[in-house]
Amino acid sequence: MSPRKLTGWRKSSHSHFEENACVEVGTGPGVVGVRDTKQAGLAARPVLVFSRTAFTAFLDHLTDGR
């Protein structure tokens, strides 16, 4: 999927805005995109695109120890 078709980009409320050290998450049909906020000015901004299943598994892994 083209990253241009991803919408609803949002950033965590826990991010450090002044440091611009965060990622944004956007969604598309059956996929989730992740991009770095530090690269906001780039014309061809890199985006990692995951299936919703893979992204959910990733989040589950991150929150396993909480």
PDB file of N, CA and C in Angstrom:
ATOM      1  N   MET A   1       0.839  -1.186   0.000  1.00  0.00           N
ATOM      2  CA  MET A   1       0.000   0.000   0.000  1.00  0.00           C
ATOM      3  C   MET A   1       0.879   1.241   0.000  1.00  0.00           C
ATOM      4  N   SER A   2       0.473   2.226  -0.750  1.00  0.00           N
ATOM      5  CA  SER A   2       1.190   3.493  -0.780  1.00  0.00           C
ATOM      6  C   SER A   2       0.972   4.241   0.529  1.00  0.00           C
ATOM      7  N   PRO A   3       2.044   4.752   1.151  1.00  0.00           N
ATOM      8  CA  PRO A   3       1.892   5.526   2.387  1.00  0.00           C
ATOM      9  C   PRO A   3       0.981   6.733   2.219  1.00  0.00           C
ATOM     10  N   ARG A   4       0.802   7.203   0.986  1.00  0.00           N
ATOM     11  CA  ARG A   4      -0.082   8.355   0.751  1.00  0.00           C
ATOM     12  C   ARG A   4      -1.542   8.034   1.038  1.00  0.00           C
ATOM     13  N   LYS A   5      -1.890   6.748   1.037  1.00  0.00           N
ATOM     14  CA  LYS A   5      -3.277   6.355   1.286  1.00  0.00           C
ATOM     15  C   LYS A   5      -3.566   6.169   2.771  1.00  0.00           C
ATOM     16  N   LEU A   6      -2.543   6.305   3.610  1.00  0.00           N
ATOM     17  CA  LEU A   6      -2.744   6.195   5.054  1.00  0.00           C
ATOM     18  C   LEU A   6      -3.295   7.519   5.569  1.00  0.00           C
ATOM     19  N   THR A   7      -4.219   7.446   6.503  1.00  0.00           N
ATOM     20  CA  THR A   7      -4.857   8.652   7.028  1.00  0.00           C
ATOM     21  C   THR A   7      -4.890   8.623   8.553  1.00  0.00           C
ATOM     22  N   GLY A   8      -5.365   9.712   9.128  1.00  0.00           N
ATOM     23  CA  GLY A   8      -5.562   9.779  10.576  1.00  0.00           C
ATOM     24  C   GLY A   8      -4.273   9.729  11.373  1.00  0.00           C
ATOM     25  N   TRP A   9      -3.200  10.297  10.840  1.00  0.00           N
ATOM     26  CA  TRP A   9      -1.916  10.257  11.535  1.00  0.00           C
ATOM     27  C   TRP A   9      -2.053  10.895  12.909  1.00  0.00           C
ATOM     28  N   ARG A  10      -1.518  10.199  13.928  1.00  0.00           N
ATOM     29  CA  ARG A  10      -1.581  10.720  15.298  1.00  0.00           C
ATOM     30  C   ARG A  10      -0.318  10.339  16.053  1.00  0.00           C
ATOM     31  N   LYS A  11      -0.064  11.109  17.092  1.00  0.00           N
ATOM     32  CA  LYS A  11       1.132  10.935  17.900  1.00  0.00           C
ATOM     33  C   LYS A  11       0.712  10.711  19.346  1.00  0.00           C
ATOM     34  N   SER A  12       1.475   9.927  20.070  1.00  0.00           N
ATOM     35  CA  SER A  12       1.179   9.630  21.471  1.00  0.00           C
ATOM     36  C   SER A  12       1.181  10.898  22.316  1.00  0.00           C
ATOM     37  N   SER A  13       0.307  10.950  23.303  1.00  0.00           N
ATOM     38  CA  SER A  13       0.303  12.075  24.238  1.00  0.00           C
ATOM     39  C   SER A  13       1.508  12.012  25.168  1.00  0.00           C
ATOM     40  N   HIS A  14       2.233  10.904  25.157  1.00  0.00           N
ATOM     41  CA  HIS A  14       3.428  10.741  25.995  1.00  0.00           C
ATOM     42  C   HIS A  14       4.700  11.188  25.279  1.00  0.00           C
ATOM     43  N   SER A  15       4.576  11.674  24.063  1.00  0.00           N
ATOM     44  CA  SER A  15       5.767  12.067  23.307  1.00  0.00           C
ATOM     45  C   SER A  15       6.306  13.396  23.829  1.00  0.00           C
ATOM     46  N   HIS A  16       7.573  13.645  23.526  1.00  0.00           N
ATOM     47  CA  HIS A  16       8.224  14.888  23.929  1.00  0.00           C
ATOM     48  C   HIS A  16       8.227  15.834  22.739  1.00  0.00           C
ATOM     49  N   PHE A  17       7.209  16.683  22.670  1.00  0.00           N
ATOM     50  CA  PHE A  17       7.034  17.560  21.510  1.00  0.00           C
ATOM     51  C   PHE A  17       8.259  18.434  21.273  1.00  0.00           C
ATOM     52  N   GLU A  18       8.802  19.006  22.350  1.00  0.00           N
ATOM     53  CA  GLU A  18       9.934  19.915  22.185  1.00  0.00           C
ATOM     54  C   GLU A  18      11.179  19.202  21.650  1.00  0.00           C
ATOM     55  N   GLU A  19      11.296  17.912  21.885  1.00  0.00           N
ATOM     56  CA  GLU A  19      12.438  17.152  21.381  1.00  0.00           C
ATOM     57  C   GLU A  19      12.130  16.508  20.030  1.00  0.00           C
ATOM     58  N   ASN A  20      10.887  16.509  19.652  1.00  0.00           N
ATOM     59  CA  ASN A  20      10.452  15.895  18.394  1.00  0.00           C
ATOM     60  C   ASN A  20      10.942  14.446  18.291  1.00  0.00           C
ATOM     61  N   ALA A  21      10.873  13.735  19.415  1.00  0.00           N
ATOM     62  CA  ALA A  21      11.382  12.357  19.490  1.00  0.00           C
ATOM     63  C   ALA A  21      10.222  11.384  19.629  1.00  0.00           C
ATOM     64  N   CYS A  22       9.536  11.157  18.556  1.00  0.00           N
ATOM     65  CA  CYS A  22       8.371  10.292  18.627  1.00  0.00           C
ATOM     66  C   CYS A  22       8.078   9.713  17.246  1.00  0.00           C
ATOM     67  N   VAL A  23       7.124   8.814  17.210  1.00  0.00           N
ATOM     68  CA  VAL A  23       6.629   8.296  15.946  1.00  0.00           C
ATOM     69  C   VAL A  23       5.150   8.621  15.838  1.00  0.00           C
ATOM     70  N   GLU A  24       4.659   8.648  14.626  1.00  0.00           N
ATOM     71  CA  GLU A  24       3.242   8.842  14.357  1.00  0.00           C
ATOM     72  C   GLU A  24       2.701   7.557  13.757  1.00  0.00           C
ATOM     73  N   VAL A  25       1.426   7.318  13.983  1.00  0.00           N
ATOM     74  CA  VAL A  25       0.760   6.127  13.471  1.00  0.00           C
ATOM     75  C   VAL A  25      -0.424   6.569  12.615  1.00  0.00           C
ATOM     76  N   GLY A  26      -0.530   5.990  11.432  1.00  0.00           N
ATOM     77  CA  GLY A  26      -1.654   6.242  10.543  1.00  0.00           C
ATOM     78  C   GLY A  26      -2.244   4.916  10.100  1.00  0.00           C
ATOM     79  N   THR A  27      -3.480   4.947   9.619  1.00  0.00           N
ATOM     80  CA  THR A  27      -4.141   3.698   9.240  1.00  0.00           C
ATOM     81  C   THR A  27      -4.644   3.741   7.800  1.00  0.00           C
ATOM     82  N   GLY A  28      -4.802   2.551   7.260  1.00  0.00           N
ATOM     83  CA  GLY A  28      -5.370   2.359   5.938  1.00  0.00           C
ATOM     84  C   GLY A  28      -6.132   1.045   5.961  1.00  0.00           C
ATOM     85  N   PRO A  29      -6.733   0.642   4.857  1.00  0.00           N
ATOM     86  CA  PRO A  29      -7.492  -0.606   4.824  1.00  0.00           C
ATOM     87  C   PRO A  29      -6.620  -1.823   5.169  1.00  0.00           C
ATOM     88  N   GLY A  30      -6.771  -2.336   6.381  1.00  0.00           N
ATOM     89  CA  GLY A  30      -6.058  -3.533   6.810  1.00  0.00           C
ATOM     90  C   GLY A  30      -4.611  -3.338   7.202  1.00  0.00           C
ATOM     91  N   VAL A  31      -4.137  -2.088   7.222  1.00  0.00           N
ATOM     92  CA  VAL A  31      -2.734  -1.833   7.542  1.00  0.00           C
ATOM     93  C   VAL A  31      -2.577  -0.669   8.520  1.00  0.00           C
ATOM     94  N   VAL A  32      -1.383  -0.618   9.128  1.00  0.00           N
ATOM     95  CA  VAL A  32      -1.005   0.481  10.018  1.00  0.00           C
ATOM     96  C   VAL A  32       0.361   0.978   9.559  1.00  0.00           C
ATOM     97  N   GLY A  33       0.504   2.293   9.443  1.00  0.00           N
ATOM     98  CA  GLY A  33       1.778   2.883   9.057  1.00  0.00           C
ATOM     99  C   GLY A  33       2.424   3.577  10.242  1.00  0.00           C
ATOM    100  N   VAL A  34       3.753   3.558  10.272  1.00  0.00           N
ATOM    101  CA  VAL A  34       4.515   4.205  11.340  1.00  0.00           C
ATOM    102  C   VAL A  34       5.586   5.071  10.686  1.00  0.00           C
ATOM    103  N   ARG A  35       5.695   6.329  11.147  1.00  0.00           N
ATOM    104  CA  ARG A  35       6.727   7.216  10.613  1.00  0.00           C
ATOM    105  C   ARG A  35       7.353   8.041  11.736  1.00  0.00           C
ATOM    106  N   ASP A  36       8.560   8.518  11.503  1.00  0.00           N
ATOM    107  CA  ASP A  36       9.337   9.279  12.475  1.00  0.00           C
ATOM    108  C   ASP A  36       8.971  10.761  12.383  1.00  0.00           C
ATOM    109  N   THR A  37       8.685  11.390  13.521  1.00  0.00           N
ATOM    110  CA  THR A  37       8.320  12.806  13.502  1.00  0.00           C
ATOM    111  C   THR A  37       9.501  13.703  13.151  1.00  0.00           C
ATOM    112  N   LYS A  38      10.722  13.233  13.356  1.00  0.00           N
ATOM    113  CA  LYS A  38      11.904  14.048  13.037  1.00  0.00           C
ATOM    114  C   LYS A  38      12.058  14.254  11.531  1.00  0.00           C
ATOM    115  N   GLN A  39      11.385  13.473  10.738  1.00  0.00           N
ATOM    116  CA  GLN A  39      11.517  13.562   9.286  1.00  0.00           C
ATOM    117  C   GLN A  39      10.340  14.286   8.643  1.00  0.00           C
ATOM    118  N   ALA A  40       9.670  15.108   9.417  1.00  0.00           N
ATOM    119  CA  ALA A  40       8.462  15.780   8.930  1.00  0.00           C
ATOM    120  C   ALA A  40       8.713  16.645   7.699  1.00  0.00           C
ATOM    121  N   GLY A  41       9.901  17.198   7.551  1.00  0.00           N
ATOM    122  CA  GLY A  41      10.177  18.086   6.435  1.00  0.00           C
ATOM    123  C   GLY A  41      10.594  17.403   5.146  1.00  0.00           C
ATOM    124  N   LEU A  42      10.775  16.105   5.168  1.00  0.00           N
ATOM    125  CA  LEU A  42      11.224  15.392   3.972  1.00  0.00           C
ATOM    126  C   LEU A  42      10.088  15.212   2.968  1.00  0.00           C
ATOM    127  N   ALA A  43      10.389  15.425   1.711  1.00  0.00           N
ATOM    128  CA  ALA A  43       9.373  15.249   0.669  1.00  0.00           C
ATOM    129  C   ALA A  43       8.981  13.775   0.536  1.00  0.00           C
ATOM    130  N   ALA A  44       9.958  12.886   0.548  1.00  0.00           N
ATOM    131  CA  ALA A  44       9.697  11.439   0.446  1.00  0.00           C
ATOM    132  C   ALA A  44       9.924  10.820   1.826  1.00  0.00           C
ATOM    133  N   ARG A  45       9.005  11.073   2.717  1.00  0.00           N
ATOM    134  CA  ARG A  45       9.114  10.641   4.110  1.00  0.00           C
ATOM    135  C   ARG A  45       8.944   9.128   4.228  1.00  0.00           C
ATOM    136  N   PRO A  46       9.946   8.416   4.787  1.00  0.00           N
ATOM    137  CA  PRO A  46       9.839   6.961   4.923  1.00  0.00           C
ATOM    138  C   PRO A  46       8.713   6.544   5.872  1.00  0.00           C
ATOM    139  N   VAL A  47       8.003   5.507   5.501  1.00  0.00           N
ATOM    140  CA  VAL A  47       6.910   4.968   6.319  1.00  0.00           C
ATOM    141  C   VAL A  47       7.042   3.449   6.355  1.00  0.00           C
ATOM    142  N   LEU A  48       6.971   2.880   7.556  1.00  0.00           N
ATOM    143  CA  LEU A  48       6.907   1.426   7.705  1.00  0.00           C
ATOM    144  C   LEU A  48       5.438   1.043   7.704  1.00  0.00           C
ATOM    145  N   VAL A  49       5.058   0.058   6.908  1.00  0.00           N
ATOM    146  CA  VAL A  49       3.659  -0.359   6.815  1.00  0.00           C
ATOM    147  C   VAL A  49       3.547  -1.813   7.267  1.00  0.00           C
ATOM    148  N   PHE A  50       2.651  -2.047   8.241  1.00  0.00           N
ATOM    149  CA  PHE A  50       2.430  -3.370   8.823  1.00  0.00           C
ATOM    150  C   PHE A  50       0.971  -3.779   8.653  1.00  0.00           C
ATOM    151  N   SER A  51       0.728  -5.075   8.587  1.00  0.00           N
ATOM    152  CA  SER A  51      -0.667  -5.536   8.642  1.00  0.00           C
ATOM    153  C   SER A  51      -1.187  -5.212  10.043  1.00  0.00           C
ATOM    154  N   ARG A  52      -2.493  -5.099  10.183  1.00  0.00           N
ATOM    155  CA  ARG A  52      -3.061  -4.826  11.513  1.00  0.00           C
ATOM    156  C   ARG A  52      -2.717  -5.945  12.488  1.00  0.00           C
ATOM    157  N   THR A  53      -2.683  -7.179  12.010  1.00  0.00           N
ATOM    158  CA  THR A  53      -2.338  -8.320  12.863  1.00  0.00           C
ATOM    159  C   THR A  53      -0.909  -8.193  13.377  1.00  0.00           C
ATOM    160  N   ALA A  54       0.022  -7.861  12.498  1.00  0.00           N
ATOM    161  CA  ALA A  54       1.426  -7.709  12.900  1.00  0.00           C
ATOM    162  C   ALA A  54       1.599  -6.544  13.868  1.00  0.00           C
ATOM    163  N   PHE A  55       0.903  -5.438  13.620  1.00  0.00           N
ATOM    164  CA  PHE A  55       1.025  -4.280  14.504  1.00  0.00           C
ATOM    165  C   PHE A  55       0.445  -4.581  15.880  1.00  0.00           C
ATOM    166  N   THR A  56      -0.679  -5.286  15.929  1.00  0.00           N
ATOM    167  CA  THR A  56      -1.273  -5.679  17.211  1.00  0.00           C
ATOM    168  C   THR A  56      -0.325  -6.595  17.979  1.00  0.00           C
ATOM    169  N   ALA A  57       0.304  -7.536  17.289  1.00  0.00           N
ATOM    170  CA  ALA A  57       1.272  -8.431  17.937  1.00  0.00           C
ATOM    171  C   ALA A  57       2.457  -7.634  18.482  1.00  0.00           C
ATOM    172  N   PHE A  58       2.908  -6.640  17.738  1.00  0.00           N
ATOM    173  CA  PHE A  58       3.999  -5.776  18.181  1.00  0.00           C
ATOM    174  C   PHE A  58       3.609  -5.027  19.455  1.00  0.00           C
ATOM    175  N   LEU A  59       2.428  -4.426  19.478  1.00  0.00           N
ATOM    176  CA  LEU A  59       1.969  -3.704  20.672  1.00  0.00           C
ATOM    177  C   LEU A  59       1.793  -4.644  21.857  1.00  0.00           C
ATOM    178  N   ASP A  60       1.262  -5.833  21.615  1.00  0.00           N
ATOM    179  CA  ASP A  60       1.116  -6.821  22.691  1.00  0.00           C
ATOM    180  C   ASP A  60       2.476  -7.168  23.289  1.00  0.00           C
ATOM    181  N   HIS A  61       3.463  -7.314  22.441  1.00  0.00           N
ATOM    182  CA  HIS A  61       4.817  -7.626  22.913  1.00  0.00           C
ATOM    183  C   HIS A  61       5.381  -6.478  23.756  1.00  0.00           C
ATOM    184  N   LEU A  62       5.151  -5.240  23.327  1.00  0.00           N
ATOM    185  CA  LEU A  62       5.649  -4.079  24.068  1.00  0.00           C
ATOM    186  C   LEU A  62       5.028  -3.963  25.452  1.00  0.00           C
ATOM    187  N   THR A  63       3.759  -4.302  25.561  1.00  0.00           N
ATOM    188  CA  THR A  63       3.050  -4.124  26.833  1.00  0.00           C
ATOM    189  C   THR A  63       3.035  -5.380  27.688  1.00  0.00           C
ATOM    190  N   ASP A  64       3.704  -6.434  27.254  1.00  0.00           N
ATOM    191  CA  ASP A  64       3.743  -7.698  27.991  1.00  0.00           C
ATOM    192  C   ASP A  64       4.238  -7.556  29.421  1.00  0.00           C
ATOM    193  N   GLY A  65       5.246  -6.756  29.641  1.00  0.00           N
ATOM    194  CA  GLY A  65       5.845  -6.655  30.967  1.00  0.00           C
ATOM    195  C   GLY A  65       5.239  -5.604  31.872  1.00  0.00           C
ATOM    196  N   ARG A  66       4.165  -4.981  31.479  1.00  0.00           N
ATOM    197  CA  ARG A  66       3.591  -3.894  32.292  1.00  0.00           C
ATOM    198  C   ARG A  66       2.648  -4.405  33.319  1.00  0.00           C
TER     199      ARG A  66
END
